[in-house]
């Protein structure tokens, strides 16, 4: 079994299903991380989900997947912030604030594309090793 949960060094990788992933800072030795970070993610008209993968930084070997959560972009309204409590597959809750901003004439992306802004990640609950194994198998 993995080291005690208090030894977890969690961080999150955020990805839009067709975009480049971004990573939060690592919260050292905590069961109650508070990232409070903001990211701008470009979202195209093909994008449907923002995927949150919670990992535990390991000094030796591969980082452990602690859980995953996702948001369907159809749940968001352009120009309005939405606070959401996401169920983490593997256990726990991830509280986020999402802001979707639609651009009439984007410079880099095509007209009609969506942009997700200001994602904050204030909390995540721990998960059990047996649940992590199930999640890890989904990625293999």
C-alpha atoms as a PDB file:
ATOM      1  CA  UNK A   1       0.000   0.000   0.000  1.00  0.00           C
ATOM      2  CA  UNK A   2       1.100   3.568  -0.741  1.00  0.00           C
ATOM      3  CA  UNK A   3       2.597   5.740   1.996  1.00  0.00           C
ATOM      4  CA  UNK A   4       0.212   7.478   4.354  1.00  0.00           C
ATOM      5  CA  UNK A   5      -2.084  10.003   2.702  1.00  0.00           C
ATOM      6  CA  UNK A   6      -0.463  12.805   4.704  1.00  0.00           C
ATOM      7  CA  UNK A   7       2.653  12.134   2.609  1.00  0.00           C
ATOM      8  CA  UNK A   8       0.805  12.977  -0.639  1.00  0.00           C
ATOM      9  CA  UNK A   9       2.239  15.731  -2.836  1.00  0.00           C
ATOM     10  CA  UNK A  10      -0.765  16.354  -5.101  1.00  0.00           C
ATOM     11  CA  UNK A  11      -0.939  18.367  -8.285  1.00  0.00           C
ATOM     12  CA  UNK A  12      -3.431  18.506 -11.149  1.00  0.00           C
ATOM     13  CA  UNK A  13      -3.027  18.245 -14.900  1.00  0.00           C
ATOM     14  CA  UNK A  14      -5.822  20.032 -16.761  1.00  0.00           C
ATOM     15  CA  UNK A  15      -6.546  19.243 -20.377  1.00  0.00           C
ATOM     16  CA  UNK A  16      -9.171  20.089 -22.910  1.00  0.00           C
ATOM     17  CA  UNK A  17      -9.690  16.992 -25.014  1.00  0.00           C
ATOM     18  CA  UNK A  18      -7.966  18.526 -28.048  1.00  0.00           C
ATOM     19  CA  UNK A  19      -5.620  21.014 -26.362  1.00  0.00           C
ATOM     20  CA  UNK A  20      -2.242  21.163 -24.656  1.00  0.00           C
ATOM     21  CA  UNK A  21      -2.367  20.165 -20.950  1.00  0.00           C
ATOM     22  CA  UNK A  22      -1.353  22.553 -18.154  1.00  0.00           C
ATOM     23  CA  UNK A  23      -0.189  21.680 -14.648  1.00  0.00           C
ATOM     24  CA  UNK A  24      -0.792  23.218 -11.225  1.00  0.00           C
ATOM     25  CA  UNK A  25       1.875  23.693  -8.589  1.00  0.00           C
ATOM     26  CA  UNK A  26       2.572  20.764  -6.262  1.00  0.00           C
ATOM     27  CA  UNK A  27       1.112  21.048  -2.751  1.00  0.00           C
ATOM     28  CA  UNK A  28       3.611  19.315  -0.495  1.00  0.00           C
ATOM     29  CA  UNK A  29       2.651  16.768   2.200  1.00  0.00           C
ATOM     30  CA  UNK A  30      -1.055  17.560   2.474  1.00  0.00           C
ATOM     31  CA  UNK A  31      -4.439  15.891   2.467  1.00  0.00           C
ATOM     32  CA  UNK A  32      -6.185  19.211   1.784  1.00  0.00           C
ATOM     33  CA  UNK A  33      -4.426  20.972  -1.087  1.00  0.00           C
ATOM     34  CA  UNK A  34      -5.420  24.492  -2.100  1.00  0.00           C
ATOM     35  CA  UNK A  35      -4.111  25.450  -5.528  1.00  0.00           C
ATOM     36  CA  UNK A  36      -6.048  28.665  -6.131  1.00  0.00           C
ATOM     37  CA  UNK A  37      -4.485  29.033  -9.569  1.00  0.00           C
ATOM     38  CA  UNK A  38      -5.885  30.431 -12.793  1.00  0.00           C
ATOM     39  CA  UNK A  39      -5.343  29.086 -16.293  1.00  0.00           C
ATOM     40  CA  UNK A  40      -6.451  30.190 -19.733  1.00  0.00           C
ATOM     41  CA  UNK A  41      -7.212  27.185 -21.904  1.00  0.00           C
ATOM     42  CA  UNK A  42      -8.008  27.512 -25.587  1.00  0.00           C
ATOM     43  CA  UNK A  43     -11.044  25.506 -26.520  1.00  0.00           C
ATOM     44  CA  UNK A  44     -12.105  24.761 -30.061  1.00  0.00           C
ATOM     45  CA  UNK A  45     -15.579  23.979 -31.330  1.00  0.00           C
ATOM     46  CA  UNK A  46     -14.595  20.276 -31.209  1.00  0.00           C
ATOM     47  CA  UNK A  47     -13.883  20.487 -27.456  1.00  0.00           C
ATOM     48  CA  UNK A  48     -16.442  19.022 -25.133  1.00  0.00           C
ATOM     49  CA  UNK A  49     -14.677  18.460 -21.779  1.00  0.00           C
ATOM     50  CA  UNK A  50     -12.118  19.898 -19.412  1.00  0.00           C
ATOM     51  CA  UNK A  51     -10.399  16.907 -17.789  1.00  0.00           C
ATOM     52  CA  UNK A  52      -8.756  17.159 -14.355  1.00  0.00           C
ATOM     53  CA  UNK A  53      -6.242  14.418 -13.480  1.00  0.00           C
ATOM     54  CA  UNK A  54      -5.072  14.526  -9.868  1.00  0.00           C
ATOM     55  CA  UNK A  55      -1.598  13.055  -9.358  1.00  0.00           C
ATOM     56  CA  UNK A  56       0.762  12.471  -6.444  1.00  0.00           C
ATOM     57  CA  UNK A  57       4.328  13.551  -7.154  1.00  0.00           C
ATOM     58  CA  UNK A  58       6.778  10.733  -6.438  1.00  0.00           C
ATOM     59  CA  UNK A  59      10.506  11.304  -6.047  1.00  0.00           C
ATOM     60  CA  UNK A  60      11.198   7.778  -7.333  1.00  0.00           C
ATOM     61  CA  UNK A  61       9.274   6.193 -10.185  1.00  0.00           C
ATOM     62  CA  UNK A  62       6.148   7.350 -11.947  1.00  0.00           C
ATOM     63  CA  UNK A  63       3.698   9.762 -10.287  1.00  0.00           C
ATOM     64  CA  UNK A  64       0.562   8.053  -8.942  1.00  0.00           C
ATOM     65  CA  UNK A  65      -2.877   8.901 -10.320  1.00  0.00           C
ATOM     66  CA  UNK A  66      -5.100   9.843  -7.389  1.00  0.00           C
ATOM     67  CA  UNK A  67      -8.279  10.459  -9.378  1.00  0.00           C
ATOM     68  CA  UNK A  68      -9.947  12.185 -12.299  1.00  0.00           C
ATOM     69  CA  UNK A  69     -12.865  14.558 -12.824  1.00  0.00           C
ATOM     70  CA  UNK A  70     -14.260  16.336 -15.847  1.00  0.00           C
ATOM     71  CA  UNK A  71     -16.598  19.140 -16.840  1.00  0.00           C
ATOM     72  CA  UNK A  72     -18.713  19.103 -19.953  1.00  0.00           C
ATOM     73  CA  UNK A  73     -18.371  22.546 -21.562  1.00  0.00           C
ATOM     74  CA  UNK A  74     -22.072  22.513 -22.453  1.00  0.00           C
ATOM     75  CA  UNK A  75     -22.730  23.069 -18.714  1.00  0.00           C
ATOM     76  CA  UNK A  76     -21.110  26.526 -18.912  1.00  0.00           C
ATOM     77  CA  UNK A  77     -22.625  29.813 -20.065  1.00  0.00           C
ATOM     78  CA  UNK A  78     -20.416  32.320 -21.843  1.00  0.00           C
ATOM     79  CA  UNK A  79     -19.598  35.362 -19.739  1.00  0.00           C
ATOM     80  CA  UNK A  80     -20.661  33.823 -16.429  1.00  0.00           C
ATOM     81  CA  UNK A  81     -18.515  32.211 -13.735  1.00  0.00           C
ATOM     82  CA  UNK A  82     -19.782  28.878 -12.473  1.00  0.00           C
ATOM     83  CA  UNK A  83     -18.707  27.276  -9.204  1.00  0.00           C
ATOM     84  CA  UNK A  84     -18.827  23.489  -9.340  1.00  0.00           C
ATOM     85  CA  UNK A  85     -18.134  20.638  -6.919  1.00  0.00           C
ATOM     86  CA  UNK A  86     -16.841  17.825  -9.127  1.00  0.00           C
ATOM     87  CA  UNK A  87     -17.014  14.202  -8.051  1.00  0.00           C
ATOM     88  CA  UNK A  88     -13.541  12.730  -8.378  1.00  0.00           C
ATOM     89  CA  UNK A  89     -13.464   9.241  -9.858  1.00  0.00           C
ATOM     90  CA  UNK A  90     -11.462   7.507  -7.169  1.00  0.00           C
ATOM     91  CA  UNK A  91     -13.143   9.409  -4.335  1.00  0.00           C
ATOM     92  CA  UNK A  92     -13.417  12.944  -3.068  1.00  0.00           C
ATOM     93  CA  UNK A  93     -14.553  16.285  -4.393  1.00  0.00           C
ATOM     94  CA  UNK A  94     -12.769  18.919  -6.443  1.00  0.00           C
ATOM     95  CA  UNK A  95     -14.174  22.455  -6.128  1.00  0.00           C
ATOM     96  CA  UNK A  96     -13.553  24.644  -9.171  1.00  0.00           C
ATOM     97  CA  UNK A  97     -14.596  28.005 -10.574  1.00  0.00           C
ATOM     98  CA  UNK A  98     -14.915  28.067 -14.345  1.00  0.00           C
ATOM     99  CA  UNK A  99     -15.404  31.019 -16.641  1.00  0.00           C
ATOM    100  CA  UNK A 100     -16.221  30.476 -20.310  1.00  0.00           C
ATOM    101  CA  UNK A 101     -15.571  33.389 -22.624  1.00  0.00           C
ATOM    102  CA  UNK A 102     -16.702  33.181 -26.226  1.00  0.00           C
ATOM    103  CA  UNK A 103     -14.825  35.371 -28.692  1.00  0.00           C
ATOM    104  CA  UNK A 104     -16.541  36.962 -31.675  1.00  0.00           C
ATOM    105  CA  UNK A 105     -13.292  37.240 -33.643  1.00  0.00           C
ATOM    106  CA  UNK A 106     -10.485  35.266 -31.998  1.00  0.00           C
ATOM    107  CA  UNK A 107      -6.961  35.959 -33.230  1.00  0.00           C
ATOM    108  CA  UNK A 108      -5.529  32.428 -33.165  1.00  0.00           C
ATOM    109  CA  UNK A 109      -8.536  30.145 -33.026  1.00  0.00           C
ATOM    110  CA  UNK A 110     -11.450  29.973 -35.463  1.00  0.00           C
ATOM    111  CA  UNK A 111     -14.667  31.947 -35.052  1.00  0.00           C
ATOM    112  CA  UNK A 112     -17.124  30.205 -32.730  1.00  0.00           C
ATOM    113  CA  UNK A 113     -14.408  28.501 -30.663  1.00  0.00           C
ATOM    114  CA  UNK A 114     -14.757  28.491 -26.876  1.00  0.00           C
ATOM    115  CA  UNK A 115     -12.190  29.639 -24.299  1.00  0.00           C
ATOM    116  CA  UNK A 116     -12.215  28.520 -20.658  1.00  0.00           C
ATOM    117  CA  UNK A 117     -10.669  31.037 -18.278  1.00  0.00           C
ATOM    118  CA  UNK A 118      -9.801  31.274 -14.596  1.00  0.00           C
ATOM    119  CA  UNK A 119      -9.945  27.736 -13.295  1.00  0.00           C
ATOM    120  CA  UNK A 120      -9.370  27.649  -9.542  1.00  0.00           C
ATOM    121  CA  UNK A 121      -8.703  24.443  -7.636  1.00  0.00           C
ATOM    122  CA  UNK A 122      -9.147  24.988  -3.915  1.00  0.00           C
ATOM    123  CA  UNK A 123      -9.697  21.466  -2.507  1.00  0.00           C
ATOM    124  CA  UNK A 124      -9.365  17.761  -3.132  1.00  0.00           C
ATOM    125  CA  UNK A 125     -10.080  14.808  -0.868  1.00  0.00           C
ATOM    126  CA  UNK A 126      -7.799  11.735  -0.677  1.00  0.00           C
ATOM    127  CA  UNK A 127      -8.545   8.416  -2.404  1.00  0.00           C
ATOM    128  CA  UNK A 128      -7.776   4.799  -1.543  1.00  0.00           C
ATOM    129  CA  UNK A 129      -5.113   2.675  -3.279  1.00  0.00           C
ATOM    130  CA  UNK A 130      -7.677   0.156  -4.588  1.00  0.00           C
ATOM    131  CA  UNK A 131      -9.524   2.997  -6.316  1.00  0.00           C
ATOM    132  CA  UNK A 132      -6.269   4.311  -7.788  1.00  0.00           C
ATOM    133  CA  UNK A 133      -5.527   0.920  -9.322  1.00  0.00           C
ATOM    134  CA  UNK A 134      -8.881   0.942 -11.131  1.00  0.00           C
ATOM    135  CA  UNK A 135      -8.250   4.468 -12.457  1.00  0.00           C
ATOM    136  CA  UNK A 136      -4.660   3.665 -13.452  1.00  0.00           C
ATOM    137  CA  UNK A 137      -5.880   0.664 -15.470  1.00  0.00           C
ATOM    138  CA  UNK A 138      -8.127   3.021 -17.490  1.00  0.00           C
ATOM    139  CA  UNK A 139      -4.991   4.845 -18.701  1.00  0.00           C
ATOM    140  CA  UNK A 140      -2.978   1.751 -19.652  1.00  0.00           C
END
